Amino acid sequence: MVALFLPGNASADREKVADAEALIKHFEAVYYGVDHSNSEDRGVDRPMVIRQHPYKVVLFPTMTKYEEFIRPITDQLSKLTGYRITITRSPSFSGDFSTWIATDLTDLPFSRVLYKSTSEEWQNFLKEWEKKTCMVLSSIGYAYISSGNFLFQVKNVFLDAAIVLKRQISAAKAKDCIVAGLVKQLAGFKDVSSNIVRPSIFNEPRPSMTAIPLNDKILIRAVYDLFPDRDREISMKTIRKKMPLYVKSVRENGIESIYHR
């Protein structure tokens, strides 16, 4: 069972939350790919990942045994992102943004479409897959984002994804992969490592995770404060302004104090 931060757990939260400055650097490292050990590395500018649609986590038949484990995670992600996230057992395209959770590539007939630019690229991908126990595959495209009376077209937005696990994977490793995959896909974090803040799903080496670390929850909440299609400099000004407020609030009142209402 995943441990939830319930009202009255503020003292526990205080012991775990990192300093605001460390969280700001950690955010820049995992969201923009900035290497803080290299003073010349400025990372990559890219549009924000913001959703204003129903979102589904689709469990293939081999993964339904993890439904009770996943549900508290999606409940917290809903509160942190402000968007409705549901779990379904129906492996079919619905038109909603989705993350599919399946065992092995053979469960995903569309995976070849996502990664088949050339047959050589596909073969290289399969070789890389042989080295992994799990992998997150993403499809990227355009989305329309509403703000007030305006509708914006945002490019390079993560649309659908799949968390794919090897069939022989252990239950503990499967849960770790599911937690990390859902966080990275829903918030658009890069597949990088950072040890600026601990514990975090981005730590290398990383202890096995069965819940979203508190510091990563704060990062997820921060992502969904960013306006779509703003450049990194403008977005980081927002992060530098909001992060100290989040840290103070979580330390004094617990993680639920920064949930979307």
Protein backbone atom coordinates (compact mmCIF):
# COMPACT_ATOMS: atom_id res chain seq x y z
CA MET A 1 0.00 0.00 0.00
CA VAL A 2 1.32 3.46 -0.90
CA ALA A 3 1.66 5.81 2.07
CA LEU A 4 -0.33 9.02 1.66
CA PHE A 5 0.35 12.32 3.37
CA LEU A 6 -2.84 12.89 5.30
CA PRO A 7 -3.81 15.96 7.34
CA GLY A 8 -1.77 16.09 10.50
CA ASN A 9 1.44 14.86 8.85
CA ALA A 10 3.00 18.30 8.59
CA SER A 11 5.75 17.39 11.06
CA ALA A 12 6.79 14.45 8.89
CA ASP A 13 6.75 16.68 5.81
CA ARG A 14 8.98 19.23 7.57
CA GLU A 15 11.66 16.59 8.07
CA LYS A 16 11.75 15.64 4.39
CA VAL A 17 11.29 18.82 2.36
CA ALA A 18 14.45 20.25 0.82
CA ASP A 19 15.51 23.90 0.84
CA ALA A 20 13.89 26.10 -1.81
CA GLU A 21 17.19 26.94 -3.51
CA ALA A 22 18.10 23.26 -3.85
CA LEU A 23 14.65 22.47 -5.26
CA ILE A 24 15.00 25.28 -7.82
CA LYS A 25 18.30 23.86 -9.06
CA HIS A 26 16.87 20.34 -9.02
CA PHE A 27 13.88 21.52 -11.09
CA GLU A 28 16.12 23.19 -13.66
CA ALA A 29 18.25 20.05 -13.90
CA VAL A 30 15.41 17.57 -14.46
CA TYR A 31 13.04 19.79 -16.46
CA TYR A 32 15.49 21.64 -18.70
CA GLY A 33 18.50 19.33 -18.53
CA VAL A 34 20.82 21.90 -16.96
CA ASP A 35 24.07 20.43 -15.64
CA HIS A 36 24.87 22.57 -12.60
CA SER A 37 28.41 21.18 -12.45
CA ASN A 38 29.08 22.88 -15.79
CA SER A 39 28.81 26.67 -15.60
CA GLU A 40 28.35 26.92 -19.40
CA ASP A 41 25.46 24.46 -19.63
CA ARG A 42 22.24 26.43 -20.10
CA GLY A 43 19.97 23.49 -20.79
CA VAL A 44 17.25 23.37 -23.43
CA ASP A 45 14.37 25.78 -24.00
CA ARG A 46 11.11 24.01 -24.78
CA PRO A 47 7.36 24.51 -24.40
CA MET A 48 5.62 23.66 -21.16
CA VAL A 49 3.68 20.43 -20.73
CA ILE A 50 0.22 21.48 -19.60
CA ARG A 51 -2.94 19.38 -19.93
CA GLN A 52 -6.55 20.48 -19.96
CA HIS A 53 -8.12 17.18 -20.93
CA PRO A 54 -9.26 14.03 -19.13
CA TYR A 55 -6.26 11.77 -18.63
CA LYS A 56 -6.34 7.99 -18.47
CA VAL A 57 -3.95 5.38 -17.15
CA VAL A 58 -4.69 2.27 -19.22
CA LEU A 59 -3.80 -1.08 -17.67
CA PHE A 60 -3.21 -4.04 -19.95
CA PRO A 61 -4.58 -7.37 -18.61
CA THR A 62 -1.15 -8.45 -17.33
CA MET A 63 -0.90 -5.26 -15.23
CA THR A 64 -4.30 -5.18 -13.51
CA LYS A 65 -2.70 -6.74 -10.43
CA TYR A 66 -1.06 -3.35 -9.80
CA GLU A 67 -4.29 -1.34 -9.91
CA GLU A 68 -4.59 -0.93 -6.13
CA PHE A 69 -0.96 0.16 -5.99
CA ILE A 70 -1.41 2.71 -8.80
CA ARG A 71 -4.68 4.27 -7.60
CA PRO A 72 -3.25 6.31 -4.66
CA ILE A 73 -0.48 7.55 -6.97
CA THR A 74 -2.93 8.79 -9.62
CA ASP A 75 -5.09 10.35 -6.88
CA GLN A 76 -2.12 12.41 -5.69
CA LEU A 77 -1.08 13.29 -9.24
CA SER A 78 -4.63 14.57 -9.84
CA LYS A 79 -4.35 16.86 -6.83
CA LEU A 80 -0.89 18.09 -7.80
CA THR A 81 -1.70 18.74 -11.47
CA GLY A 82 -5.30 19.88 -11.10
CA TYR A 83 -6.50 17.46 -13.79
CA ARG A 84 -8.78 14.45 -13.58
CA ILE A 85 -6.84 11.19 -13.95
CA THR A 86 -8.73 7.90 -14.19
CA ILE A 87 -7.68 4.25 -14.42
CA THR A 88 -9.20 1.93 -16.99
CA ARG A 89 -8.64 -1.71 -17.91
CA SER A 90 -9.71 -1.25 -21.52
CA PRO A 91 -6.66 -1.30 -23.84
CA SER A 92 -8.19 0.75 -26.64
CA PHE A 93 -7.70 4.24 -28.00
CA SER A 94 -10.21 6.62 -26.45
CA GLY A 95 -9.17 10.06 -27.74
CA ASP A 96 -8.08 11.13 -24.25
CA PHE A 97 -4.45 11.60 -23.31
CA SER A 98 -3.25 8.28 -21.92
CA THR A 99 -0.38 6.44 -20.33
CA TRP A 100 -0.49 2.74 -21.14
CA ILE A 101 1.08 0.28 -18.68
CA ALA A 102 1.97 -3.04 -20.26
CA THR A 103 4.42 -5.93 -20.18
CA ASP A 104 6.79 -6.16 -23.12
CA LEU A 105 6.63 -4.44 -26.50
CA THR A 106 4.47 -7.18 -27.96
CA ASP A 107 1.54 -5.77 -25.97
CA LEU A 108 1.83 -2.44 -27.81
CA PRO A 109 0.96 -2.63 -31.51
CA PHE A 110 1.51 1.13 -31.84
CA SER A 111 5.06 1.13 -30.40
CA ARG A 112 6.49 0.35 -33.82
CA VAL A 113 4.68 3.41 -35.19
CA LEU A 114 6.09 5.67 -32.48
CA TYR A 115 9.69 4.75 -33.13
CA LYS A 116 9.85 3.62 -36.78
CA SER A 117 11.48 6.56 -38.56
CA THR A 118 13.74 4.07 -40.35
CA SER A 119 14.19 0.34 -39.98
CA GLU A 120 17.72 1.01 -38.71
CA GLU A 121 16.41 3.28 -35.95
CA TRP A 122 13.86 0.66 -34.98
CA GLN A 123 16.53 -2.02 -34.76
CA ASN A 124 18.72 0.26 -32.63
CA PHE A 125 15.76 0.88 -30.35
CA LEU A 126 15.17 -2.86 -29.97
CA LYS A 127 18.83 -3.33 -29.03
CA GLU A 128 18.48 -0.64 -26.37
CA TRP A 129 15.30 -2.27 -25.08
CA GLU A 130 17.21 -5.54 -24.57
CA LYS A 131 19.38 -3.76 -21.98
CA LYS A 132 16.40 -2.41 -20.00
CA THR A 133 13.98 -3.83 -17.48
CA CYS A 134 11.48 -1.03 -18.17
CA MET A 135 11.13 1.95 -20.47
CA VAL A 136 8.82 4.92 -21.04
CA LEU A 137 7.77 5.51 -24.67
CA SER A 138 6.15 8.80 -25.62
CA SER A 139 4.33 10.22 -28.62
CA ILE A 140 4.79 13.95 -29.14
CA GLY A 141 2.59 16.35 -31.09
CA TYR A 142 0.46 19.48 -30.93
CA ALA A 143 -2.17 20.37 -28.35
CA TYR A 144 -4.54 23.29 -27.94
CA ILE A 145 -4.42 24.93 -24.52
CA SER A 146 -7.10 27.36 -23.32
CA SER A 147 -6.36 30.32 -21.07
CA GLY A 148 -9.24 32.67 -20.33
CA ASN A 149 -10.85 33.53 -23.67
CA PHE A 150 -7.80 32.52 -25.72
CA LEU A 151 -6.81 29.22 -27.31
CA PHE A 152 -3.12 28.52 -27.88
CA GLN A 153 -1.54 25.86 -30.07
CA VAL A 154 1.45 24.34 -28.27
CA LYS A 155 3.98 22.15 -30.07
CA ASN A 156 6.18 19.35 -28.73
CA VAL A 157 3.62 18.37 -26.08
CA PHE A 158 3.68 14.85 -24.69
CA LEU A 159 0.41 13.23 -25.77
CA ASP A 160 0.29 9.49 -25.16
CA ALA A 161 2.87 7.31 -23.48
CA ALA A 162 3.51 3.73 -22.47
CA ILE A 163 5.34 2.37 -19.44
CA VAL A 164 6.62 -0.96 -20.71
CA LEU A 165 7.96 -3.60 -18.31
CA LYS A 166 9.83 -6.80 -19.07
CA ARG A 167 7.68 -9.86 -18.36
CA GLN A 168 10.19 -11.29 -15.88
CA ILE A 169 10.47 -8.06 -13.87
CA SER A 170 10.11 -8.34 -10.08
CA ALA A 171 7.11 -6.74 -8.34
CA ALA A 172 9.36 -4.29 -6.49
CA LYS A 173 11.09 -3.15 -9.69
CA ALA A 174 7.76 -2.92 -11.52
CA LYS A 175 6.36 -0.58 -8.84
CA ASP A 176 9.50 1.55 -8.97
CA CYS A 177 9.23 1.84 -12.77
CA ILE A 178 5.53 2.72 -12.60
CA VAL A 179 6.10 5.52 -10.06
CA ALA A 180 9.01 7.02 -12.01
CA GLY A 181 7.26 6.62 -15.37
CA LEU A 182 4.01 8.29 -14.31
CA VAL A 183 5.84 11.23 -12.72
CA LYS A 184 8.14 11.83 -15.69
CA GLN A 185 5.42 11.48 -18.30
CA LEU A 186 2.74 13.56 -16.59
CA ALA A 187 5.11 16.41 -15.72
CA GLY A 188 7.32 16.24 -18.81
CA PHE A 189 10.57 15.77 -16.91
CA LYS A 190 13.64 14.69 -18.87
CA ASP A 191 15.15 11.24 -18.50
CA VAL A 192 18.18 12.53 -16.60
CA SER A 193 19.75 12.03 -13.19
CA SER A 194 20.22 14.62 -10.44
CA ASN A 195 21.45 14.23 -6.88
CA ILE A 196 20.88 17.86 -5.86
CA VAL A 197 17.89 16.79 -3.78
CA ARG A 198 17.32 13.46 -2.01
CA PRO A 199 15.21 11.41 -2.06
CA SER A 200 14.03 11.84 -5.64
CA ILE A 201 13.16 9.56 -8.54
CA PHE A 202 16.01 11.29 -10.40
CA ASN A 203 18.73 10.19 -7.95
CA GLU A 204 21.49 7.96 -9.28
CA PRO A 205 21.83 5.41 -7.82
CA ARG A 206 18.17 5.46 -6.82
CA PRO A 207 16.62 3.48 -4.00
CA SER A 208 13.52 1.51 -4.95
CA MET A 209 10.46 3.79 -4.91
CA THR A 210 6.94 2.74 -3.97
CA ALA A 211 5.58 6.28 -3.62
CA ILE A 212 6.25 9.72 -5.06
CA PRO A 213 8.94 11.41 -2.93
CA LEU A 214 7.80 14.62 -1.25
CA ASN A 215 10.35 16.79 -3.06
CA ASP A 216 9.21 15.45 -6.44
CA LYS A 217 5.59 16.26 -5.54
CA ILE A 218 6.61 19.87 -5.08
CA LEU A 219 8.33 19.84 -8.48
CA ILE A 220 5.21 18.40 -10.14
CA ARG A 221 3.06 21.13 -8.59
CA ALA A 222 5.51 23.74 -9.85
CA VAL A 223 5.33 22.46 -13.45
CA TYR A 224 1.60 23.10 -13.55
CA ASP A 225 2.09 26.75 -12.58
CA LEU A 226 3.91 27.44 -15.84
CA PHE A 227 2.15 29.07 -18.76
CA PRO A 228 2.37 27.10 -22.04
CA ASP A 229 5.03 28.01 -24.60
CA ARG A 230 6.98 30.39 -22.35
CA ASP A 231 10.76 30.24 -22.71
CA ARG A 232 12.99 28.90 -19.97
CA GLU A 233 14.12 32.28 -18.66
CA ILE A 234 10.56 33.49 -18.05
CA SER A 235 9.47 30.14 -16.62
CA MET A 236 12.38 29.98 -14.19
CA LYS A 237 11.42 33.42 -12.85
CA THR A 238 8.06 31.90 -11.95
CA ILE A 239 9.74 28.90 -10.33
CA ARG A 240 12.09 31.11 -8.28
CA LYS A 241 9.11 33.10 -7.06
CA LYS A 242 6.83 30.15 -6.26
CA MET A 243 9.25 27.56 -4.85
CA PRO A 244 9.99 29.33 -1.51
CA LEU A 245 6.22 29.69 -0.99
CA TYR A 246 5.68 25.99 -1.62
CA VAL A 247 8.48 24.98 0.74
CA LYS A 248 7.15 27.21 3.52
CA SER A 249 3.60 25.95 3.03
CA VAL A 250 4.56 22.26 3.03
CA ARG A 251 6.78 22.65 6.08
CA GLU A 252 4.04 24.38 8.04
CA ASN A 253 0.89 22.65 6.77
CA GLY A 254 1.85 19.48 4.88
CA ILE A 255 1.77 18.58 1.19
CA GLU A 256 -2.01 18.89 0.93
CA SER A 257 -1.61 22.68 1.42
CA ILE A 258 -0.33 23.04 -2.17
CA TYR A 259 -2.87 20.77 -3.85
CA HIS A 260 -5.09 22.28 -6.52
CA ARG A 261 -8.49 23.00 -5.02
